[in-house]
Amino acid sequence: MKLDVLAPGVLTTVQDHGRVGWRHLGVALAGALDTEAAALANRLAGNPGGAAVLELTLHGPTLHLPKPIRIAICGAAALAHFEDEAGARTLLGAGRPVDLPAGTLRLGPIRDGLRAWLAVAGGIDVPVVLGSRSTDLRGGFGGLQGRALRRGDELPLANPPALDCTTPHMTRWWVDPVEHDPDAPIRFVPSTHGLAMRLEGSNWRISAHGNRQGLRLEGPALPATGGDVISAAVAPGTLQLPPDGQPIVLLADAQTVGGYPRLGYVIAADLPRLAQFRPGAGLRLQAIDALDAAALLRARRVLYARLHHAVADQHR
């Protein structure tokens, strides 16, 4: 079974948990910018948490469904409609399993954030490259030919369940994970660099020049520090300081080494939140220590573990 791409959306890519274990060879992690939201969508659709999904940015795609299928959407609120073969339209809810007959799925503007994740029962069945189906846009491999979706593409599914569905059906229950709060600070563990604490005292805005490699922050320029340093390992969450004094926070498609000074590291519990900051949005940084960062990560993992258990109970 294949889904036909009638319209690709602004930037729709195939992603999963990422390409883990290859950074020592210069291969980026890639993967969903919020792996927890992607995994939860998978669980709702009846997939393993690491199955490949579609990551939607700003505006989702339009897909033709040749047969009945189950979907689930998590992340920022995406306007989703289903149109059956007779032309009748149904508004779809997020955070729950949705069974759809043959027809057209239209995923429109994303509100209150920037990205959402669409899981389809069976998972997107693109080739596994270095242990992952994720799209590496910078490397040009993985996913669907290493690129975003285009009109006319076909998305194969891996063993979708057979459904007897003639009208859209949504469960009365849904999961409600923590919503994106753009006013809450992004917490980071500062490095020993002398300018690290200056990140906390500035009001930053998200530049329009960011992408899945990293977010560029705009604000009062931090002073130059004498040029580049010896290249060293970087990872998603690293806060770099380029010569122009405008920091960059690296995301999932980040390079593996960098020569800019490193001012700190966004904590793992807050890194998924960066996926939802639109260009022009304000962003505050708050310094915390590594022990608090570890405690916040444990709390977030407990929250999502409870959500997964609740979904599993409903599927029984």
Protein backbone atom coordinates (compact mmCIF):
# COMPACT_ATOMS: atom_id res chain seq x y z
CA MET A 1 0.00 0.00 0.00
CA LYS A 2 1.23 3.48 -0.87
CA LEU A 3 0.09 6.99 -0.04
CA ASP A 4 0.09 9.44 -2.94
CA VAL A 5 1.45 12.93 -2.27
CA LEU A 6 -0.96 15.41 -3.91
CA ALA A 7 0.68 18.45 -2.28
CA PRO A 8 3.94 18.27 -0.28
CA GLY A 9 3.45 21.00 2.33
CA VAL A 10 6.13 23.54 3.19
CA LEU A 11 8.75 21.07 4.46
CA THR A 12 7.58 17.51 5.04
CA THR A 13 10.21 14.84 5.68
CA VAL A 14 10.32 11.21 6.74
CA GLN A 15 11.85 10.90 10.22
CA ASP A 16 12.21 8.38 13.03
CA HIS A 17 14.34 8.21 16.21
CA GLY A 18 17.46 9.25 14.29
CA ARG A 19 20.72 7.77 13.06
CA VAL A 20 22.26 6.80 16.39
CA GLY A 21 25.85 5.57 16.67
CA TRP A 22 27.50 7.15 13.62
CA ARG A 23 28.58 10.59 14.80
CA HIS A 24 32.18 9.42 15.22
CA LEU A 25 32.21 9.05 11.42
CA GLY A 26 30.74 12.51 10.81
CA VAL A 27 27.15 11.34 10.25
CA ALA A 28 24.49 13.60 11.77
CA LEU A 29 21.79 12.29 14.10
CA ALA A 30 18.82 13.55 12.01
CA GLY A 31 15.48 12.15 13.19
CA ALA A 32 12.37 13.92 14.46
CA LEU A 33 13.09 17.20 16.21
CA ASP A 34 10.77 15.94 18.96
CA THR A 35 11.25 12.19 19.14
CA GLU A 36 8.82 11.92 22.07
CA ALA A 37 5.96 13.46 20.10
CA ALA A 38 6.78 11.23 17.11
CA ALA A 39 6.90 8.11 19.31
CA LEU A 40 3.58 9.01 20.95
CA ALA A 41 1.94 9.45 17.53
CA ASN A 42 3.27 6.02 16.59
CA ARG A 43 1.84 4.41 19.72
CA LEU A 44 -1.54 5.97 19.03
CA ALA A 45 -1.48 4.57 15.49
CA GLY A 46 -0.49 1.12 16.79
CA ASN A 47 3.15 1.24 15.66
CA PRO A 48 6.38 0.68 17.57
CA GLY A 49 7.61 4.00 18.94
CA GLY A 50 10.55 4.15 16.54
CA ALA A 51 8.60 3.67 13.30
CA ALA A 52 9.07 6.26 10.57
CA VAL A 53 6.62 9.18 10.56
CA LEU A 54 6.14 12.38 8.61
CA GLU A 55 7.46 15.56 10.22
CA LEU A 56 5.31 18.53 9.15
CA THR A 57 6.63 22.09 9.21
CA LEU A 58 4.39 25.19 9.12
CA HIS A 59 1.87 23.62 6.69
CA GLY A 60 1.26 19.93 6.15
CA PRO A 61 0.83 17.87 2.97
CA THR A 62 -2.23 16.56 1.16
CA LEU A 63 -2.24 12.76 0.81
CA HIS A 64 -4.48 10.38 -1.12
CA LEU A 65 -5.39 7.23 0.82
CA PRO A 66 -6.19 4.38 -1.58
CA LYS A 67 -7.52 2.13 1.24
CA PRO A 68 -8.71 2.53 4.83
CA ILE A 69 -5.89 3.46 7.19
CA ARG A 70 -5.30 4.53 10.81
CA ILE A 71 -3.40 7.74 11.55
CA ALA A 72 -2.44 9.84 14.55
CA ILE A 73 -1.09 13.40 14.82
CA CYS A 74 0.97 14.82 17.70
CA GLY A 75 2.89 18.05 18.21
CA ALA A 76 1.61 21.55 17.53
CA ALA A 77 -2.04 21.85 16.49
CA ALA A 78 -2.38 21.10 12.77
CA LEU A 79 -5.62 21.83 10.93
CA ALA A 80 -6.54 18.40 9.51
CA HIS A 81 -9.47 17.49 7.26
CA PHE A 82 -10.51 14.25 5.59
CA GLU A 83 -12.42 14.31 2.31
CA ASP A 84 -14.13 11.12 1.23
CA GLU A 85 -14.59 10.06 -2.39
CA ALA A 86 -18.02 11.72 -2.47
CA GLY A 87 -16.53 15.06 -1.41
CA ALA A 88 -17.82 15.14 2.20
CA ARG A 89 -15.30 16.72 4.60
CA THR A 90 -14.61 15.84 8.25
CA LEU A 91 -12.49 17.83 10.72
CA LEU A 92 -10.03 15.51 12.47
CA GLY A 93 -8.74 15.64 16.02
CA ALA A 94 -5.14 15.19 17.20
CA GLY A 95 -3.63 13.10 19.97
CA ARG A 96 -5.82 10.07 19.25
CA PRO A 97 -6.17 7.19 16.77
CA VAL A 98 -8.21 8.14 13.70
CA ASP A 99 -9.50 5.50 11.29
CA LEU A 100 -10.10 6.78 7.76
CA PRO A 101 -11.60 5.16 4.67
CA ALA A 102 -10.21 5.70 1.19
CA GLY A 103 -10.09 9.38 0.33
CA THR A 104 -7.95 12.49 0.80
CA LEU A 105 -6.19 13.64 3.97
CA ARG A 106 -5.52 17.39 4.00
CA LEU A 107 -3.09 18.68 6.63
CA GLY A 108 -3.18 22.45 6.65
CA PRO A 109 -1.58 25.25 8.69
CA ILE A 110 0.12 24.46 11.98
CA ARG A 111 -0.94 26.72 14.83
CA ASP A 112 0.58 27.48 18.24
CA GLY A 113 3.94 26.16 17.13
CA LEU A 114 5.85 25.14 14.03
CA ARG A 115 5.89 21.34 13.72
CA ALA A 116 3.67 18.28 14.04
CA TRP A 117 4.22 14.56 13.43
CA LEU A 118 1.92 12.27 11.46
CA ALA A 119 2.06 8.53 12.13
CA VAL A 120 0.39 6.08 9.76
CA ALA A 121 -0.40 2.53 10.88
CA GLY A 122 2.34 0.26 9.59
CA GLY A 123 4.92 3.05 9.42
CA ILE A 124 6.50 4.72 6.39
CA ASP A 125 8.49 1.98 4.64
CA VAL A 126 11.44 3.80 3.07
CA PRO A 127 14.86 2.09 3.02
CA VAL A 128 16.88 1.81 6.23
CA VAL A 129 20.21 3.65 5.83
CA LEU A 130 22.76 3.27 8.64
CA GLY A 131 20.09 1.98 10.99
CA SER A 132 17.48 4.68 10.37
CA ARG A 133 14.81 5.76 7.91
CA SER A 134 15.33 9.43 8.79
CA THR A 135 15.95 12.08 6.16
CA ASP A 136 19.34 13.80 6.40
CA LEU A 137 18.68 16.95 4.39
CA ARG A 138 22.25 18.20 4.64
CA GLY A 139 23.73 14.85 3.63
CA GLY A 140 21.09 14.18 0.98
CA PHE A 141 20.34 10.60 2.01
CA GLY A 142 17.79 8.61 4.00
CA GLY A 143 14.05 9.14 4.01
CA LEU A 144 12.67 9.59 0.51
CA GLN A 145 15.80 10.11 -1.61
CA GLY A 146 17.33 12.36 1.05
CA ARG A 147 14.88 15.23 0.47
CA ALA A 148 11.56 16.72 1.48
CA LEU A 149 8.36 15.42 -0.11
CA ARG A 150 7.35 16.57 -3.58
CA ARG A 151 4.09 16.47 -5.47
CA GLY A 152 3.72 13.06 -7.14
CA ASP A 153 5.76 11.12 -4.58
CA GLU A 154 4.52 7.76 -3.32
CA LEU A 155 4.99 6.76 0.33
CA PRO A 156 5.04 2.98 0.84
CA LEU A 157 3.67 1.61 4.12
CA ALA A 158 5.04 -1.39 6.02
CA ASN A 159 2.30 -3.96 6.75
CA PRO A 160 -0.66 -1.65 7.43
CA PRO A 161 -3.53 -3.39 9.25
CA ALA A 162 -6.65 -4.32 7.33
CA LEU A 163 -9.45 -2.01 8.44
CA ASP A 164 -13.17 -2.23 7.73
CA CYS A 165 -13.90 1.49 7.67
CA THR A 166 -16.41 3.33 5.52
CA THR A 167 -16.57 6.62 7.47
CA PRO A 168 -13.99 8.45 9.61
CA HIS A 169 -13.86 7.26 13.20
CA MET A 170 -12.11 9.03 16.08
CA THR A 171 -11.86 7.77 19.64
CA ARG A 172 -13.58 9.78 22.34
CA TRP A 173 -10.37 9.79 24.36
CA TRP A 174 -7.14 11.54 23.51
CA VAL A 175 -3.76 12.19 25.09
CA ASP A 176 -2.77 15.70 26.07
CA PRO A 177 1.01 16.06 26.47
CA VAL A 178 2.59 19.23 27.77
CA GLU A 179 1.79 22.09 25.40
CA HIS A 180 4.44 24.38 23.98
CA ASP A 181 4.79 27.49 26.14
CA PRO A 182 6.82 30.08 24.20
CA ASP A 183 7.11 32.26 27.29
CA ALA A 184 8.79 29.60 29.43
CA PRO A 185 12.61 29.84 29.36
CA ILE A 186 14.80 27.34 27.56
CA ARG A 187 17.19 26.00 30.18
CA PHE A 188 20.86 25.34 29.51
CA VAL A 189 23.94 24.16 31.34
CA PRO A 190 26.60 26.86 30.85
CA SER A 191 30.14 26.00 29.85
CA THR A 192 33.21 27.52 31.50
CA HIS A 193 33.47 30.11 28.72
CA GLY A 194 33.56 33.66 30.05
CA LEU A 195 30.54 34.75 28.01
CA ALA A 196 28.31 31.80 28.90
CA MET A 197 26.25 33.65 31.50
CA ARG A 198 25.64 36.54 29.08
CA LEU A 199 23.19 34.21 27.30
CA GLU A 200 20.90 34.38 30.31
CA GLY A 201 20.74 38.14 30.50
CA SER A 202 19.63 38.86 26.93
CA ASN A 203 16.26 38.78 25.20
CA TRP A 204 16.74 36.73 22.05
CA ARG A 205 14.59 36.31 18.98
CA ILE A 206 14.53 33.41 16.51
CA SER A 207 16.11 34.32 13.19
CA ALA A 208 14.39 33.44 9.92
CA HIS A 209 17.67 31.86 8.76
CA GLY A 210 17.46 28.78 10.98
CA ASN A 211 16.69 25.23 9.86
CA ARG A 212 16.89 21.67 11.15
CA GLN A 213 20.64 22.09 11.61
CA GLY A 214 20.22 24.88 14.15
CA LEU A 215 18.36 27.93 15.35
CA ARG A 216 20.08 31.28 14.96
CA LEU A 217 19.33 33.74 17.75
CA GLU A 218 19.19 37.49 17.24
CA GLY A 219 19.80 40.07 19.94
CA PRO A 220 22.53 42.28 21.41
CA ALA A 221 25.73 40.87 19.89
CA LEU A 222 28.08 39.23 22.35
CA PRO A 223 31.68 40.45 22.08
CA ALA A 224 34.14 38.69 19.79
CA THR A 225 36.44 36.27 21.58
CA GLY A 226 39.49 36.20 19.36
CA GLY A 227 38.26 34.07 16.49
CA ASP A 228 37.66 30.37 16.12
CA VAL A 229 38.93 27.72 18.50
CA ILE A 230 40.27 24.25 17.74
CA SER A 231 37.44 22.17 16.29
CA ALA A 232 35.84 19.87 18.83
CA ALA A 233 32.79 17.65 19.10
CA VAL A 234 29.37 19.29 19.09
CA ALA A 235 25.91 17.77 19.40
CA PRO A 236 22.24 18.76 19.26
CA GLY A 237 21.76 21.32 22.02
CA THR A 238 25.24 22.88 21.80
CA LEU A 239 25.18 26.69 22.02
CA GLN A 240 27.83 28.13 19.70
CA LEU A 241 29.07 31.70 19.36
CA PRO A 242 29.98 32.71 15.77
CA PRO A 243 32.15 35.79 15.09
CA ASP A 244 29.05 38.00 14.61
CA GLY A 245 28.15 37.51 18.28
CA GLN A 246 24.70 36.01 17.52
CA PRO A 247 24.45 32.55 19.15
CA ILE A 248 23.38 29.36 17.40
CA VAL A 249 21.74 26.41 19.15
CA LEU A 250 22.29 23.18 17.22
CA LEU A 251 19.42 20.81 16.41
CA ALA A 252 19.07 17.25 15.11
CA ASP A 253 20.80 17.81 11.74
CA ALA A 254 23.82 19.42 13.40
CA GLN A 255 27.35 18.76 12.20
CA THR A 256 29.52 16.58 14.45
CA VAL A 257 32.43 19.00 15.03
CA GLY A 258 32.67 22.77 15.15
CA GLY A 259 35.24 25.51 15.62
CA TYR A 260 33.09 28.20 17.23
CA PRO A 261 33.31 28.78 21.01
CA ARG A 262 30.79 26.67 22.94
CA LEU A 263 28.84 28.62 25.56
CA GLY A 264 26.75 25.78 26.93
CA TYR A 265 24.24 23.06 26.17
CA VAL A 266 20.43 23.21 26.08
CA ILE A 267 19.17 20.52 28.46
CA ALA A 268 17.71 17.35 26.95
CA ALA A 269 14.31 17.98 28.57
CA ASP A 270 13.96 21.32 26.73
CA LEU A 271 15.56 20.41 23.40
CA PRO A 272 12.27 19.12 21.87
CA ARG A 273 10.63 22.47 22.65
CA LEU A 274 12.97 24.21 20.23
CA ALA A 275 11.16 22.44 17.38
CA GLN A 276 8.15 24.73 17.95
CA PHE A 277 9.75 28.21 17.93
CA ARG A 278 8.72 30.16 14.84
CA PRO A 279 10.96 32.77 13.21
CA GLY A 280 10.55 36.07 15.03
CA ALA A 281 9.47 34.46 18.30
CA GLY A 282 11.14 35.58 21.50
CA LEU A 283 13.31 33.18 23.47
CA ARG A 284 14.77 33.43 26.98
CA LEU A 285 17.63 31.27 28.20
CA GLN A 286 17.99 30.22 31.84
CA ALA A 287 21.14 28.67 33.29
CA ILE A 288 20.81 25.62 35.54
CA ASP A 289 23.26 22.97 36.76
CA ALA A 290 23.70 19.45 35.46
CA LEU A 291 21.96 17.81 38.43
CA ASP A 292 18.79 19.84 37.87
CA ALA A 293 19.00 19.07 34.15
CA ALA A 294 19.12 15.33 34.88
CA ALA A 295 16.14 15.60 37.26
CA LEU A 296 14.08 17.46 34.64
CA LEU A 297 14.89 14.81 32.03
CA ARG A 298 13.77 12.03 34.39
CA ALA A 299 10.50 13.85 35.04
CA ARG A 300 9.83 14.27 31.31
CA ARG A 301 10.55 10.60 30.67
CA VAL A 302 8.16 9.61 33.45
CA LEU A 303 5.45 11.80 31.92
CA TYR A 304 5.77 10.21 28.49
CA ALA A 305 6.05 6.70 29.94
CA ARG A 306 2.70 7.27 31.64
CA LEU A 307 1.19 8.50 28.39
CA HIS A 308 2.47 5.40 26.56
CA HIS A 309 1.00 3.13 29.25
CA ALA A 310 -2.33 4.94 29.03
CA VAL A 311 -2.42 4.49 25.25
CA ALA A 312 -1.51 0.80 25.60
CA ASP A 313 -4.39 0.32 28.05
CA GLN A 314 -6.84 1.91 25.58
CA HIS A 315 -5.60 -0.33 22.76
CA ARG A 316 -6.30 -3.50 24.77
